[in-house]
PDB file of all heavy atoms in Angstrom:
ATOM      1  N   THR A   1     -39.548 -14.477  13.284  1.00  0.00           N
ATOM      2  CA  THR A   1     -39.178 -13.240  12.824  1.00  0.00           C
ATOM      3  C   THR A   1     -37.678 -13.074  12.366  1.00  0.00           C
ATOM      4  O   THR A   1     -37.363 -12.220  11.476  1.00  0.00           O
ATOM      5  CB  THR A   1     -39.304 -12.071  13.800  1.00  0.00           C
ATOM      6  OG1 THR A   1     -38.549 -12.420  15.050  1.00  0.00           O
ATOM      7  CG2 THR A   1     -40.802 -11.918  14.239  1.00  0.00           C
ATOM      8  N   GLN A   2     -36.777 -13.993  12.751  1.00  0.00           N
ATOM      9  CA  GLN A   2     -35.338 -13.925  12.462  1.00  0.00           C
ATOM     10  C   GLN A   2     -35.152 -14.777  11.171  1.00  0.00           C
ATOM     11  O   GLN A   2     -35.737 -15.852  11.051  1.00  0.00           O
ATOM     12  CB  GLN A   2     -34.482 -14.273  13.613  1.00  0.00           C
ATOM     13  CG  GLN A   2     -34.542 -13.356  14.709  1.00  0.00           C
ATOM     14  CD  GLN A   2     -33.629 -13.784  15.895  1.00  0.00           C
ATOM     15  OE1 GLN A   2     -32.769 -14.629  15.688  1.00  0.00           O
ATOM     16  NE2 GLN A   2     -33.700 -13.112  16.908  1.00  0.00           N
ATOM     17  N   PRO A   3     -34.189 -14.302  10.354  1.00  0.00           N
ATOM     18  CA  PRO A   3     -33.794 -15.198   9.208  1.00  0.00           C
ATOM     19  C   PRO A   3     -33.145 -16.548   9.587  1.00  0.00           C
ATOM     20  O   PRO A   3     -32.498 -16.590  10.722  1.00  0.00           O
ATOM     21  CB  PRO A   3     -32.863 -14.334   8.472  1.00  0.00           C
ATOM     22  CG  PRO A   3     -32.471 -13.118   9.325  1.00  0.00           C
ATOM     23  CD  PRO A   3     -33.425 -13.163  10.395  1.00  0.00           C
ATOM     24  N   LYS A   4     -33.365 -17.490   8.897  1.00  0.00           N
ATOM     25  CA  LYS A   4     -32.774 -18.733   9.181  1.00  0.00           C
ATOM     26  C   LYS A   4     -31.305 -18.768   9.343  1.00  0.00           C
ATOM     27  O   LYS A   4     -30.835 -19.473  10.385  1.00  0.00           O
ATOM     28  CB  LYS A   4     -33.163 -19.702   8.072  1.00  0.00           C
ATOM     29  CG  LYS A   4     -32.662 -21.246   8.230  1.00  0.00           C
ATOM     30  CD  LYS A   4     -33.049 -22.148   7.184  1.00  0.00           C
ATOM     31  CE  LYS A   4     -32.466 -23.431   7.264  1.00  0.00           C
ATOM     32  NZ  LYS A   4     -32.749 -24.331   6.199  1.00  0.00           N
ATOM     33  N   ASP A   5     -30.573 -18.037   8.711  1.00  0.00           N
ATOM     34  CA  ASP A   5     -28.979 -17.957   8.908  1.00  0.00           C
ATOM     35  C   ASP A   5     -28.684 -17.571  10.297  1.00  0.00           C
ATOM     36  O   ASP A   5     -27.837 -18.052  10.850  1.00  0.00           O
ATOM     37  CB  ASP A   5     -28.528 -17.087   7.836  1.00  0.00           C
ATOM     38  CG  ASP A   5     -28.618 -17.641   6.435  1.00  0.00           C
ATOM     39  OD1 ASP A   5     -28.772 -18.875   6.283  1.00  0.00           O
ATOM     40  OD2 ASP A   5     -28.457 -16.853   5.442  1.00  0.00           O
ATOM     41  N   LYS A   6     -29.485 -16.549  10.765  1.00  0.00           N
ATOM     42  CA  LYS A   6     -29.175 -15.928  12.013  1.00  0.00           C
ATOM     43  C   LYS A   6     -29.539 -17.067  13.138  1.00  0.00           C
ATOM     44  O   LYS A   6     -28.952 -17.135  14.199  1.00  0.00           O
ATOM     45  CB  LYS A   6     -29.883 -14.697  12.236  1.00  0.00           C
ATOM     46  CG  LYS A   6     -29.601 -14.034  13.535  1.00  0.00           C
ATOM     47  CD  LYS A   6     -30.036 -12.663  13.630  1.00  0.00           C
ATOM     48  CE  LYS A   6     -29.629 -12.057  15.007  1.00  0.00           C
ATOM     49  NZ  LYS A   6     -30.231 -10.679  15.292  1.00  0.00           N
ATOM     50  N   LEU A   7     -30.630 -17.698  12.935  1.00  0.00           N
ATOM     51  CA  LEU A   7     -31.180 -18.749  13.828  1.00  0.00           C
ATOM     52  C   LEU A   7     -30.189 -19.929  13.962  1.00  0.00           C
ATOM     53  O   LEU A   7     -30.087 -20.529  15.021  1.00  0.00           O
ATOM     54  CB  LEU A   7     -32.496 -19.217  13.475  1.00  0.00           C
ATOM     55  CG  LEU A   7     -33.751 -18.300  13.713  1.00  0.00           C
ATOM     56  CD1 LEU A   7     -34.999 -18.951  13.047  1.00  0.00           C
ATOM     57  CD2 LEU A   7     -33.894 -18.039  15.178  1.00  0.00           C
ATOM     58  N   ALA A   8     -29.590 -20.300  12.817  1.00  0.00           N
ATOM     59  CA  ALA A   8     -28.706 -21.348  12.811  1.00  0.00           C
ATOM     60  C   ALA A   8     -27.450 -21.275  13.710  1.00  0.00           C
ATOM     61  O   ALA A   8     -26.859 -22.198  14.132  1.00  0.00           O
ATOM     62  CB  ALA A   8     -28.220 -21.599  11.233  1.00  0.00           C
ATOM     63  N   GLU A   9     -27.042 -20.001  14.003  1.00  0.00           N
ATOM     64  CA  GLU A   9     -25.977 -19.799  14.969  1.00  0.00           C
ATOM     65  C   GLU A   9     -26.369 -20.394  16.339  1.00  0.00           C
ATOM     66  O   GLU A   9     -25.528 -20.876  17.075  1.00  0.00           O
ATOM     67  CB  GLU A   9     -25.701 -18.299  15.049  1.00  0.00           C
ATOM     68  CG  GLU A   9     -25.314 -17.582  13.772  1.00  0.00           C
ATOM     69  CD  GLU A   9     -25.099 -16.251  13.832  1.00  0.00           C
ATOM     70  OE1 GLU A   9     -25.342 -15.667  14.919  1.00  0.00           O
ATOM     71  OE2 GLU A   9     -24.963 -15.589  12.748  1.00  0.00           O
ATOM     72  N   LYS A  10     -27.544 -20.107  16.771  1.00  0.00           N
ATOM     73  CA  LYS A  10     -28.066 -20.538  18.119  1.00  0.00           C
ATOM     74  C   LYS A  10     -28.777 -21.893  18.084  1.00  0.00           C
ATOM     75  O   LYS A  10     -28.781 -22.646  19.059  1.00  0.00           O
ATOM     76  CB  LYS A  10     -29.078 -19.554  18.673  1.00  0.00           C
ATOM     77  CG  LYS A  10     -28.435 -18.069  18.874  1.00  0.00           C
ATOM     78  CD  LYS A  10     -29.564 -17.203  19.377  1.00  0.00           C
ATOM     79  CE  LYS A  10     -29.077 -15.854  19.290  1.00  0.00           C
ATOM     80  NZ  LYS A  10     -30.092 -14.777  19.686  1.00  0.00           N
ATOM     81  N   LEU A  11     -29.477 -22.194  16.924  1.00  0.00           N
ATOM     82  CA  LEU A  11     -30.251 -23.389  16.833  1.00  0.00           C
ATOM     83  C   LEU A  11     -29.758 -24.220  15.696  1.00  0.00           C
ATOM     84  O   LEU A  11     -30.279 -24.058  14.537  1.00  0.00           O
ATOM     85  CB  LEU A  11     -31.701 -23.050  16.712  1.00  0.00           C
ATOM     86  CG  LEU A  11     -32.386 -22.064  17.750  1.00  0.00           C
ATOM     87  CD1 LEU A  11     -33.678 -21.589  17.342  1.00  0.00           C
ATOM     88  CD2 LEU A  11     -32.353 -22.818  19.133  1.00  0.00           C
ATOM     89  N   PRO A  12     -28.835 -25.157  15.831  1.00  0.00           N
ATOM     90  CA  PRO A  12     -28.273 -25.716  14.672  1.00  0.00           C
ATOM     91  C   PRO A  12     -29.222 -26.803  13.889  1.00  0.00           C
ATOM     92  O   PRO A  12     -29.118 -26.973  12.739  1.00  0.00           O
ATOM     93  CB  PRO A  12     -27.072 -26.585  15.202  1.00  0.00           C
ATOM     94  CG  PRO A  12     -27.233 -26.391  16.655  1.00  0.00           C
ATOM     95  CD  PRO A  12     -28.082 -25.381  17.084  1.00  0.00           C
ATOM     96  N   TRP A  13     -30.370 -27.104  14.646  1.00  0.00           N
ATOM     97  CA  TRP A  13     -31.297 -28.089  14.054  1.00  0.00           C
ATOM     98  C   TRP A  13     -32.061 -27.305  12.793  1.00  0.00           C
ATOM     99  O   TRP A  13     -32.600 -27.926  11.880  1.00  0.00           O
ATOM    100  CB  TRP A  13     -32.399 -28.533  14.948  1.00  0.00           C
ATOM    101  CG  TRP A  13     -33.091 -27.327  15.693  1.00  0.00           C
ATOM    102  CD1 TRP A  13     -32.809 -26.853  16.776  1.00  0.00           C
ATOM    103  CD2 TRP A  13     -34.267 -26.827  15.207  1.00  0.00           C
ATOM    104  NE1 TRP A  13     -33.850 -25.770  17.112  1.00  0.00           N
ATOM    105  CE2 TRP A  13     -34.670 -25.831  16.128  1.00  0.00           C
ATOM    106  CE3 TRP A  13     -35.114 -26.945  14.004  1.00  0.00           C
ATOM    107  CZ2 TRP A  13     -35.809 -25.057  15.906  1.00  0.00           C
ATOM    108  CZ3 TRP A  13     -36.151 -26.128  13.873  1.00  0.00           C
ATOM    109  CH2 TRP A  13     -36.522 -25.260  14.813  1.00  0.00           C
ATOM    110  N   VAL A  14     -32.031 -26.050  12.789  1.00  0.00           N
ATOM    111  CA  VAL A  14     -32.859 -25.310  11.662  1.00  0.00           C
ATOM    112  C   VAL A  14     -32.202 -25.636  10.256  1.00  0.00           C
ATOM    113  O   VAL A  14     -32.843 -25.426   9.254  1.00  0.00           O
ATOM    114  CB  VAL A  14     -32.910 -23.785  11.955  1.00  0.00           C
ATOM    115  CG1 VAL A  14     -33.663 -23.365  13.147  1.00  0.00           C
ATOM    116  CG2 VAL A  14     -31.506 -23.098  11.829  1.00  0.00           C
ATOM    117  N   ALA A  15     -30.959 -26.097  10.178  1.00  0.00           N
ATOM    118  CA  ALA A  15     -30.301 -26.517   8.995  1.00  0.00           C
ATOM    119  C   ALA A  15     -31.153 -27.620   8.353  1.00  0.00           C
ATOM    120  O   ALA A  15     -31.056 -27.729   7.130  1.00  0.00           O
ATOM    121  CB  ALA A  15     -28.796 -26.823   9.218  1.00  0.00           C
ATOM    122  N   ASP A  16     -31.842 -28.451   9.056  1.00  0.00           N
ATOM    123  CA  ASP A  16     -32.460 -29.462   8.528  1.00  0.00           C
ATOM    124  C   ASP A  16     -33.917 -29.211   8.064  1.00  0.00           C
ATOM    125  O   ASP A  16     -34.662 -29.982   7.453  1.00  0.00           O
ATOM    126  CB  ASP A  16     -32.798 -30.657   9.694  1.00  0.00           C
ATOM    127  CG  ASP A  16     -31.425 -31.107  10.091  1.00  0.00           C
ATOM    128  OD1 ASP A  16     -30.374 -31.032   9.548  1.00  0.00           O
ATOM    129  OD2 ASP A  16     -31.424 -31.906  11.133  1.00  0.00           O
ATOM    130  N   PHE A  17     -34.241 -27.942   8.198  1.00  0.00           N
ATOM    131  CA  PHE A  17     -35.639 -27.513   7.710  1.00  0.00           C
ATOM    132  C   PHE A  17     -35.704 -26.347   6.956  1.00  0.00           C
ATOM    133  O   PHE A  17     -34.847 -25.537   6.874  1.00  0.00           O
ATOM    134  CB  PHE A  17     -36.576 -27.263   8.975  1.00  0.00           C
ATOM    135  CG  PHE A  17     -36.775 -28.478   9.984  1.00  0.00           C
ATOM    136  CD1 PHE A  17     -35.880 -28.620  11.080  1.00  0.00           C
ATOM    137  CD2 PHE A  17     -37.748 -29.398   9.654  1.00  0.00           C
ATOM    138  CE1 PHE A  17     -36.041 -29.846  11.811  1.00  0.00           C
ATOM    139  CE2 PHE A  17     -37.964 -30.350  10.528  1.00  0.00           C
ATOM    140  CZ  PHE A  17     -37.128 -30.609  11.501  1.00  0.00           C
ATOM    141  N   SER A  18     -36.706 -26.218   6.048  1.00  0.00           N
ATOM    142  CA  SER A  18     -36.841 -25.036   5.284  1.00  0.00           C
ATOM    143  C   SER A  18     -37.228 -23.801   6.047  1.00  0.00           C
ATOM    144  O   SER A  18     -37.657 -23.875   7.180  1.00  0.00           O
ATOM    145  CB  SER A  18     -38.028 -25.174   4.052  1.00  0.00           C
ATOM    146  OG  SER A  18     -39.255 -25.190   4.923  1.00  0.00           O
ATOM    147  N   PRO A  19     -36.840 -22.489   5.641  1.00  0.00           N
ATOM    148  CA  PRO A  19     -37.250 -21.291   6.342  1.00  0.00           C
ATOM    149  C   PRO A  19     -38.650 -21.261   6.631  1.00  0.00           C
ATOM    150  O   PRO A  19     -39.094 -20.912   7.653  1.00  0.00           O
ATOM    151  CB  PRO A  19     -36.867 -20.224   5.401  1.00  0.00           C
ATOM    152  CG  PRO A  19     -35.745 -20.879   4.582  1.00  0.00           C
ATOM    153  CD  PRO A  19     -36.104 -22.339   4.366  1.00  0.00           C
ATOM    154  N   ALA A  20     -39.597 -21.841   5.726  1.00  0.00           N
ATOM    155  CA  ALA A  20     -41.019 -21.652   6.063  1.00  0.00           C
ATOM    156  C   ALA A  20     -41.405 -22.651   7.082  1.00  0.00           C
ATOM    157  O   ALA A  20     -42.366 -22.156   7.940  1.00  0.00           O
ATOM    158  CB  ALA A  20     -41.765 -22.213   4.773  1.00  0.00           C
ATOM    159  N   THR A  21     -40.820 -23.800   7.228  1.00  0.00           N
ATOM    160  CA  THR A  21     -41.081 -24.697   8.256  1.00  0.00           C
ATOM    161  C   THR A  21     -40.666 -24.071   9.640  1.00  0.00           C
ATOM    162  O   THR A  21     -41.320 -24.194  10.569  1.00  0.00           O
ATOM    163  CB  THR A  21     -40.445 -26.106   7.993  1.00  0.00           C
ATOM    164  OG1 THR A  21     -40.807 -26.590   6.876  1.00  0.00           O
ATOM    165  CG2 THR A  21     -40.744 -27.066   9.076  1.00  0.00           C
ATOM    166  N   VAL A  22     -39.497 -23.536   9.609  1.00  0.00           N
ATOM    167  CA  VAL A  22     -39.031 -22.962  10.937  1.00  0.00           C
ATOM    168  C   VAL A  22     -39.926 -21.781  11.336  1.00  0.00           C
ATOM    169  O   VAL A  22     -40.277 -21.676  12.528  1.00  0.00           O
ATOM    170  CB  VAL A  22     -37.549 -22.427  10.775  1.00  0.00           C
ATOM    171  CG1 VAL A  22     -37.053 -21.602  11.971  1.00  0.00           C
ATOM    172  CG2 VAL A  22     -36.551 -23.560  10.407  1.00  0.00           C
ATOM    173  N   ARG A  23     -40.357 -21.003  10.397  1.00  0.00           N
ATOM    174  CA  ARG A  23     -41.285 -19.965  10.638  1.00  0.00           C
ATOM    175  C   ARG A  23     -42.635 -20.412  11.164  1.00  0.00           C
ATOM    176  O   ARG A  23     -43.262 -19.964  12.066  1.00  0.00           O
ATOM    177  CB  ARG A  23     -41.432 -19.029   9.464  1.00  0.00           C
ATOM    178  CG  ARG A  23     -42.373 -17.810   9.721  1.00  0.00           C
ATOM    179  CD  ARG A  23     -42.280 -16.817   8.744  1.00  0.00           C
ATOM    180  NE  ARG A  23     -40.999 -16.106   9.104  1.00  0.00           N
ATOM    181  CZ  ARG A  23     -40.040 -15.754   8.204  1.00  0.00           C
ATOM    182  NH1 ARG A  23     -40.120 -16.117   6.948  1.00  0.00           N
ATOM    183  NH2 ARG A  23     -38.920 -15.187   8.556  1.00  0.00           N
ATOM    184  N   PHE A  24     -43.184 -21.491  10.522  1.00  0.00           N
ATOM    185  CA  PHE A  24     -44.340 -22.178  11.040  1.00  0.00           C
ATOM    186  C   PHE A  24     -44.291 -22.696  12.380  1.00  0.00           C
ATOM    187  O   PHE A  24     -45.112 -22.591  13.193  1.00  0.00           O
ATOM    188  CB  PHE A  24     -44.726 -23.322   9.934  1.00  0.00           C
ATOM    189  CG  PHE A  24     -45.792 -24.069  10.388  1.00  0.00           C
ATOM    190  CD1 PHE A  24     -47.123 -23.523  10.191  1.00  0.00           C
ATOM    191  CD2 PHE A  24     -45.838 -25.362  11.005  1.00  0.00           C
ATOM    192  CE1 PHE A  24     -48.293 -24.298  10.721  1.00  0.00           C
ATOM    193  CE2 PHE A  24     -46.989 -26.056  11.378  1.00  0.00           C
ATOM    194  CZ  PHE A  24     -48.231 -25.477  11.206  1.00  0.00           C
ATOM    195  N   ILE A  25     -43.129 -23.384  12.691  1.00  0.00           N
ATOM    196  CA  ILE A  25     -42.855 -23.780  14.079  1.00  0.00           C
ATOM    197  C   ILE A  25     -42.970 -22.664  15.026  1.00  0.00           C
ATOM    198  O   ILE A  25     -43.580 -22.640  16.156  1.00  0.00           O
ATOM    199  CB  ILE A  25     -41.530 -24.579  14.313  1.00  0.00           C
ATOM    200  CG1 ILE A  25     -41.578 -25.880  13.429  1.00  0.00           C
ATOM    201  CG2 ILE A  25     -41.199 -24.864  15.697  1.00  0.00           C
ATOM    202  CD1 ILE A  25     -40.212 -26.534  13.182  1.00  0.00           C
ATOM    203  N   GLY A  26     -42.374 -21.522  14.694  1.00  0.00           N
ATOM    204  CA  GLY A  26     -42.359 -20.322  15.598  1.00  0.00           C
ATOM    205  C   GLY A  26     -43.824 -19.767  15.735  1.00  0.00           C
ATOM    206  O   GLY A  26     -44.250 -19.465  16.837  1.00  0.00           O
ATOM    207  N   ILE A  27     -44.619 -19.751  14.737  1.00  0.00           N
ATOM    208  CA  ILE A  27     -46.011 -19.342  14.806  1.00  0.00           C
ATOM    209  C   ILE A  27     -46.811 -20.264  15.581  1.00  0.00           C
ATOM    210  O   ILE A  27     -47.667 -19.826  16.506  1.00  0.00           O
ATOM    211  CB  ILE A  27     -46.509 -19.121  13.270  1.00  0.00           C
ATOM    212  CG1 ILE A  27     -45.889 -17.961  12.709  1.00  0.00           C
ATOM    213  CG2 ILE A  27     -48.194 -18.923  13.447  1.00  0.00           C
ATOM    214  CD1 ILE A  27     -46.097 -17.898  11.099  1.00  0.00           C
ATOM    215  N   VAL A  28     -46.597 -21.409  15.515  1.00  0.00           N
ATOM    216  CA  VAL A  28     -47.324 -22.637  16.268  1.00  0.00           C
ATOM    217  C   VAL A  28     -46.957 -22.305  17.689  1.00  0.00           C
ATOM    218  O   VAL A  28     -47.825 -22.332  18.564  1.00  0.00           O
ATOM    219  CB  VAL A  28     -47.029 -23.895  15.803  1.00  0.00           C
ATOM    220  CG1 VAL A  28     -47.388 -25.029  16.864  1.00  0.00           C
ATOM    221  CG2 VAL A  28     -47.573 -24.189  14.543  1.00  0.00           C
ATOM    222  N   GLU A  29     -45.759 -22.114  18.068  1.00  0.00           N
ATOM    223  CA  GLU A  29     -45.324 -22.033  19.464  1.00  0.00           C
ATOM    224  C   GLU A  29     -45.812 -20.599  20.000  1.00  0.00           C
ATOM    225  O   GLU A  29     -46.301 -20.604  21.199  1.00  0.00           O
ATOM    226  CB  GLU A  29     -43.671 -21.902  19.566  1.00  0.00           C
ATOM    227  CG  GLU A  29     -43.108 -23.240  19.416  1.00  0.00           C
ATOM    228  CD  GLU A  29     -41.571 -23.307  19.374  1.00  0.00           C
ATOM    229  OE1 GLU A  29     -40.993 -22.141  19.257  1.00  0.00           O
ATOM    230  OE2 GLU A  29     -40.959 -24.378  19.540  1.00  0.00           O
ATOM    231  N   PHE A  30     -45.848 -19.558  19.227  1.00  0.00           N
ATOM    232  CA  PHE A  30     -46.498 -18.368  19.731  1.00  0.00           C
ATOM    233  C   PHE A  30     -47.945 -18.467  19.911  1.00  0.00           C
ATOM    234  O   PHE A  30     -48.540 -18.045  21.030  1.00  0.00           O
ATOM    235  CB  PHE A  30     -46.087 -17.237  18.837  1.00  0.00           C
ATOM    236  CG  PHE A  30     -46.562 -15.856  19.352  1.00  0.00           C
ATOM    237  CD1 PHE A  30     -45.896 -15.184  20.359  1.00  0.00           C
ATOM    238  CD2 PHE A  30     -47.692 -15.249  18.927  1.00  0.00           C
ATOM    239  CE1 PHE A  30     -46.319 -14.081  20.853  1.00  0.00           C
ATOM    240  CE2 PHE A  30     -48.158 -14.022  19.274  1.00  0.00           C
ATOM    241  CZ  PHE A  30     -47.470 -13.376  20.334  1.00  0.00           C
ATOM    242  N   ALA A  31     -48.585 -19.117  19.088  1.00  0.00           N
ATOM    243  CA  ALA A  31     -50.093 -19.291  19.186  1.00  0.00           C
ATOM    244  C   ALA A  31     -50.413 -20.147  20.416  1.00  0.00           C
ATOM    245  O   ALA A  31     -51.401 -19.837  21.192  1.00  0.00           O
ATOM    246  CB  ALA A  31     -50.668 -19.907  17.925  1.00  0.00           C
ATOM    247  N   ALA A  32     -49.589 -21.176  20.602  1.00  0.00           N
ATOM    248  CA  ALA A  32     -49.838 -21.953  21.775  1.00  0.00           C
ATOM    249  C   ALA A  32     -49.598 -21.274  23.099  1.00  0.00           C
ATOM    250  O   ALA A  32     -50.278 -21.416  24.143  1.00  0.00           O
ATOM    251  CB  ALA A  32     -49.046 -23.312  21.708  1.00  0.00           C
ATOM    252  N   ALA A  33     -48.578 -20.357  23.138  1.00  0.00           N
ATOM    253  CA  ALA A  33     -48.387 -19.606  24.168  1.00  0.00           C
ATOM    254  C   ALA A  33     -49.573 -18.717  24.590  1.00  0.00           C
ATOM    255  O   ALA A  33     -49.997 -18.612  25.892  1.00  0.00           O
ATOM    256  CB  ALA A  33     -47.086 -18.628  24.007  1.00  0.00           C
ATOM    257  N   LEU A  34     -50.096 -18.147  23.579  1.00  0.00           N
ATOM    258  CA  LEU A  34     -51.488 -17.369  23.894  1.00  0.00           C
ATOM    259  C   LEU A  34     -52.488 -18.211  24.327  1.00  0.00           C
ATOM    260  O   LEU A  34     -53.261 -17.872  25.230  1.00  0.00           O
ATOM    261  CB  LEU A  34     -51.769 -16.562  22.480  1.00  0.00           C
ATOM    262  CG  LEU A  34     -50.920 -15.529  21.913  1.00  0.00           C
ATOM    263  CD1 LEU A  34     -51.412 -14.985  20.743  1.00  0.00           C
ATOM    264  CD2 LEU A  34     -50.717 -14.389  22.972  1.00  0.00           C
ATOM    265  N   GLY A  35     -52.564 -19.431  23.699  1.00  0.00           N
ATOM    266  CA  GLY A  35     -53.622 -20.351  24.095  1.00  0.00           C
ATOM    267  C   GLY A  35     -53.499 -20.884  25.401  1.00  0.00           C
ATOM    268  O   GLY A  35     -54.524 -21.334  26.085  1.00  0.00           O
ATOM    269  N   LEU A  36     -52.300 -20.921  26.110  1.00  0.00           N
ATOM    270  CA  LEU A  36     -52.052 -21.339  27.465  1.00  0.00           C
ATOM    271  C   LEU A  36     -52.726 -20.320  28.491  1.00  0.00           C
ATOM    272  O   LEU A  36     -53.081 -20.681  29.581  1.00  0.00           O
ATOM    273  CB  LEU A  36     -50.573 -21.559  27.736  1.00  0.00           C
ATOM    274  CG  LEU A  36     -50.028 -22.776  27.177  1.00  0.00           C
ATOM    275  CD1 LEU A  36     -48.438 -22.692  27.475  1.00  0.00           C
ATOM    276  CD2 LEU A  36     -50.498 -23.969  27.740  1.00  0.00           C
ATOM    277  N   ILE A  37     -52.716 -19.081  28.163  1.00  0.00           N
ATOM    278  CA  ILE A  37     -53.191 -18.046  28.954  1.00  0.00           C
ATOM    279  C   ILE A  37     -54.494 -17.511  28.717  1.00  0.00           C
ATOM    280  O   ILE A  37     -55.431 -17.491  29.556  1.00  0.00           O
ATOM    281  CB  ILE A  37     -52.086 -16.889  29.099  1.00  0.00           C
ATOM    282  CG1 ILE A  37     -50.795 -17.513  29.532  1.00  0.00           C
ATOM    283  CG2 ILE A  37     -52.615 -15.831  29.913  1.00  0.00           C
ATOM    284  CD1 ILE A  37     -50.669 -18.072  30.906  1.00  0.00           C
ATOM    285  N   LEU A  38     -54.765 -16.964  27.490  1.00  0.00           N
ATOM    286  CA  LEU A  38     -55.924 -16.152  27.212  1.00  0.00           C
ATOM    287  C   LEU A  38     -57.162 -16.741  27.428  1.00  0.00           C
ATOM    288  O   LEU A  38     -58.128 -16.152  27.978  1.00  0.00           O
ATOM    289  CB  LEU A  38     -55.681 -15.544  25.790  1.00  0.00           C
ATOM    290  CG  LEU A  38     -54.765 -14.467  25.648  1.00  0.00           C
ATOM    291  CD1 LEU A  38     -54.644 -14.051  24.151  1.00  0.00           C
ATOM    292  CD2 LEU A  38     -54.882 -13.313  26.498  1.00  0.00           C
TER     293      LEU A  38
END
């Protein structure tokens, strides 16, 4: 949900990836979190 520039302040590794890839990683992590419980 956050723009890449804002994420780069806390997560310097995002500079190595496109905004779409970072967003995809976030979606995968959220989906896996749901999959661990539901």
